[in-house]
Amino acid sequence: MVLKRHLILQAINYMLKELILYADESVKSGEFYSNFYGGCLIRSEDIETVKEALKSKTEELHLNSELKWQKVTSQYLDKYFELMNLFFDFVQEDVIKVRIMFMQNNVEAVGIEEYHKEHEYFLLYYQFIKHAFGLGYIPSQDDPIRLRIYFDRLPDGYSGPY
């Protein structure tokens, strides 16, 4: 019984040292901006609360498909705002951290080689993950913090955790 309790406490302690990053991108090129990369970082201890609250709100509002601002109609606009208000409440409470990176089309990159052009998608995603959330500045600890990353969909077709 003591061993089982110890293992449960150890698992809870382990979970508290995990961050979950949901990432998505749009490489579409607009007139002024392109290559949008976005992400939400959530502590594992908060993930179920966030998921349940957002799921409950989408069900309450009858928002049954993936939300995209391009698809919003006047009859759904208030519902989108209501859901986004809940989301940004979590941001304000420091439960979710949001970061967005994009490129300005009027700025020409210097020193770009063919390799960079071919692998632009992955190179930009790497830079986004590496720098956007300040993960390199987390103070060192006795136990490392685990990072679980969920990409929306990668060109290789895989969309699970990394």
Protein backbone atom coordinates (compact mmCIF):
# COMPACT_ATOMS: atom_id res chain seq x y z
CA MET A 1 0.00 0.00 0.00
CA VAL A 2 2.83 2.41 0.88
CA LEU A 3 4.61 1.59 -2.40
CA LYS A 4 1.43 2.23 -4.41
CA ARG A 5 0.92 5.62 -2.68
CA HIS A 6 4.57 6.51 -3.32
CA LEU A 7 4.21 5.65 -7.03
CA ILE A 8 1.05 7.74 -7.32
CA LEU A 9 2.74 10.73 -5.67
CA GLN A 10 5.77 10.27 -7.90
CA ALA A 11 3.52 10.24 -10.99
CA ILE A 12 1.74 13.40 -9.85
CA ASN A 13 5.07 15.12 -9.19
CA TYR A 14 6.25 14.04 -12.66
CA MET A 15 3.12 15.45 -14.29
CA LEU A 16 3.65 18.80 -12.60
CA LYS A 17 6.98 19.07 -14.40
CA GLU A 18 5.54 18.76 -17.87
CA LEU A 19 4.58 21.46 -20.35
CA ILE A 20 2.29 20.86 -23.30
CA LEU A 21 2.63 22.89 -26.48
CA TYR A 22 -0.06 22.94 -29.15
CA ALA A 23 1.30 24.38 -32.40
CA ASP A 24 -0.26 25.30 -35.73
CA GLU A 25 0.85 27.17 -38.79
CA SER A 26 -0.34 28.77 -41.97
CA VAL A 27 2.30 29.22 -44.65
CA LYS A 28 -0.05 31.16 -46.88
CA SER A 29 1.41 34.34 -48.24
CA GLY A 30 -0.65 37.51 -48.02
CA GLU A 31 0.12 40.92 -49.42
CA PHE A 32 2.10 42.04 -46.34
CA TYR A 33 2.69 38.97 -44.14
CA SER A 34 3.28 35.23 -44.52
CA ASN A 35 4.40 32.09 -42.70
CA PHE A 36 2.32 32.36 -39.54
CA TYR A 37 3.30 30.03 -36.70
CA GLY A 38 1.33 29.99 -33.48
CA GLY A 39 1.31 28.05 -30.27
CA CYS A 40 -0.27 27.68 -26.86
CA LEU A 41 1.79 26.46 -23.91
CA ILE A 42 -0.04 24.89 -20.96
CA ARG A 43 1.20 23.20 -17.79
CA SER A 44 0.10 19.57 -17.69
CA GLU A 45 -1.58 20.19 -14.34
CA ASP A 46 -3.95 22.65 -16.08
CA ILE A 47 -4.64 20.78 -19.31
CA GLU A 48 -7.80 18.94 -18.25
CA THR A 49 -9.36 22.10 -16.78
CA VAL A 50 -8.70 24.00 -20.02
CA LYS A 51 -9.92 21.18 -22.28
CA GLU A 52 -13.11 20.68 -20.28
CA ALA A 53 -13.93 24.39 -20.13
CA LEU A 54 -13.37 24.92 -23.86
CA LYS A 55 -15.24 21.74 -24.79
CA SER A 56 -18.15 22.66 -22.55
CA LYS A 57 -18.32 26.17 -24.02
CA THR A 58 -18.22 24.92 -27.63
CA GLU A 59 -21.02 22.46 -26.86
CA GLU A 60 -23.05 25.17 -25.12
CA LEU A 61 -22.61 27.43 -28.18
CA HIS A 62 -23.25 24.58 -30.67
CA LEU A 63 -19.89 25.12 -32.35
CA ASN A 64 -19.34 21.61 -33.69
CA SER A 65 -16.63 21.99 -36.32
CA GLU A 66 -13.11 23.42 -36.34
CA LEU A 67 -13.19 27.14 -35.67
CA LYS A 68 -11.73 29.35 -38.39
CA TRP A 69 -12.15 33.10 -38.57
CA GLN A 70 -12.45 32.84 -42.37
CA LYS A 71 -15.63 30.77 -41.92
CA VAL A 72 -17.39 33.01 -39.38
CA THR A 73 -20.78 34.42 -40.33
CA SER A 74 -22.72 37.23 -38.68
CA GLN A 75 -24.94 34.72 -36.87
CA TYR A 76 -21.88 33.01 -35.31
CA LEU A 77 -19.77 36.10 -34.56
CA ASP A 78 -21.04 36.55 -30.99
CA LYS A 79 -20.48 32.83 -30.31
CA TYR A 80 -16.87 33.11 -31.53
CA PHE A 81 -16.33 36.15 -29.31
CA GLU A 82 -17.76 34.32 -26.31
CA LEU A 83 -15.44 31.36 -26.84
CA MET A 84 -12.44 33.64 -27.40
CA ASN A 85 -13.27 35.55 -24.20
CA LEU A 86 -13.06 32.27 -22.27
CA PHE A 87 -9.76 31.43 -23.99
CA PHE A 88 -8.26 34.84 -23.19
CA ASP A 89 -9.45 34.54 -19.58
CA PHE A 90 -7.06 31.57 -19.36
CA VAL A 91 -4.32 33.70 -20.95
CA GLN A 92 -4.93 36.52 -18.47
CA GLU A 93 -4.81 34.04 -15.57
CA ASP A 94 -1.42 32.72 -16.83
CA VAL A 95 -2.87 29.28 -17.49
CA ILE A 96 -2.21 29.52 -21.25
CA LYS A 97 0.72 31.28 -22.87
CA VAL A 98 0.15 32.28 -26.51
CA ARG A 99 2.83 33.20 -29.03
CA ILE A 100 2.62 34.01 -32.74
CA MET A 101 5.44 34.43 -35.23
CA PHE A 102 5.15 35.66 -38.81
CA MET A 103 7.25 37.16 -41.56
CA GLN A 104 6.90 40.57 -43.14
CA ASN A 105 6.93 40.22 -46.91
CA ASN A 106 8.65 43.57 -47.45
CA VAL A 107 11.78 42.37 -45.58
CA GLU A 108 14.19 40.37 -47.74
CA ALA A 109 16.11 37.69 -45.82
CA VAL A 110 19.89 37.88 -46.18
CA GLY A 111 22.13 34.84 -46.75
CA ILE A 112 19.33 32.48 -47.77
CA GLU A 113 20.52 29.42 -49.68
CA GLU A 114 18.55 26.82 -51.63
CA TYR A 115 18.58 24.51 -48.60
CA HIS A 116 16.80 27.18 -46.53
CA LYS A 117 14.14 27.62 -49.20
CA GLU A 118 13.57 23.86 -49.51
CA HIS A 119 13.28 23.38 -45.74
CA GLU A 120 11.69 26.73 -44.86
CA TYR A 121 8.66 25.16 -43.20
CA PHE A 122 10.65 23.04 -40.74
CA LEU A 123 13.39 25.62 -40.13
CA LEU A 124 10.83 28.28 -39.23
CA TYR A 125 8.90 25.85 -37.02
CA TYR A 126 12.14 25.00 -35.22
CA GLN A 127 12.96 28.67 -34.62
CA PHE A 128 9.43 29.32 -33.40
CA ILE A 129 9.51 26.45 -30.87
CA LYS A 130 13.07 27.32 -29.80
CA HIS A 131 12.54 31.03 -29.16
CA ALA A 132 8.85 31.96 -28.81
CA PHE A 133 8.23 30.66 -25.29
CA GLY A 134 11.64 31.29 -23.72
CA LEU A 135 12.13 27.61 -22.95
CA GLY A 136 15.90 28.09 -22.90
CA TYR A 137 15.53 30.50 -19.97
CA ILE A 138 13.72 28.15 -17.60
CA PRO A 139 15.86 28.03 -14.44
CA SER A 140 17.69 24.74 -14.02
CA GLN A 141 16.11 22.30 -11.61
CA ASP A 142 16.95 18.95 -10.09
CA ASP A 143 14.29 17.30 -12.22
CA PRO A 144 14.06 18.28 -15.88
CA ILE A 145 10.82 19.65 -17.28
CA ARG A 146 9.32 17.51 -19.99
CA LEU A 147 7.90 19.18 -23.12
CA ARG A 148 5.16 17.46 -25.11
CA ILE A 149 4.49 19.06 -28.51
CA TYR A 150 1.36 18.56 -30.59
CA PHE A 151 1.62 19.87 -34.14
CA ASP A 152 -1.61 20.39 -36.06
CA ARG A 153 -0.38 18.56 -39.14
CA LEU A 154 3.08 18.24 -40.60
CA PRO A 155 3.82 17.73 -44.32
CA ASP A 156 4.97 14.19 -43.55
CA GLY A 157 1.38 13.43 -42.47
CA TYR A 158 2.10 12.80 -38.77
CA SER A 159 0.02 14.82 -36.28
CA GLY A 160 0.65 13.16 -32.92
CA PRO A 161 2.81 14.25 -30.01
CA TYR A 162 6.57 14.59 -30.40
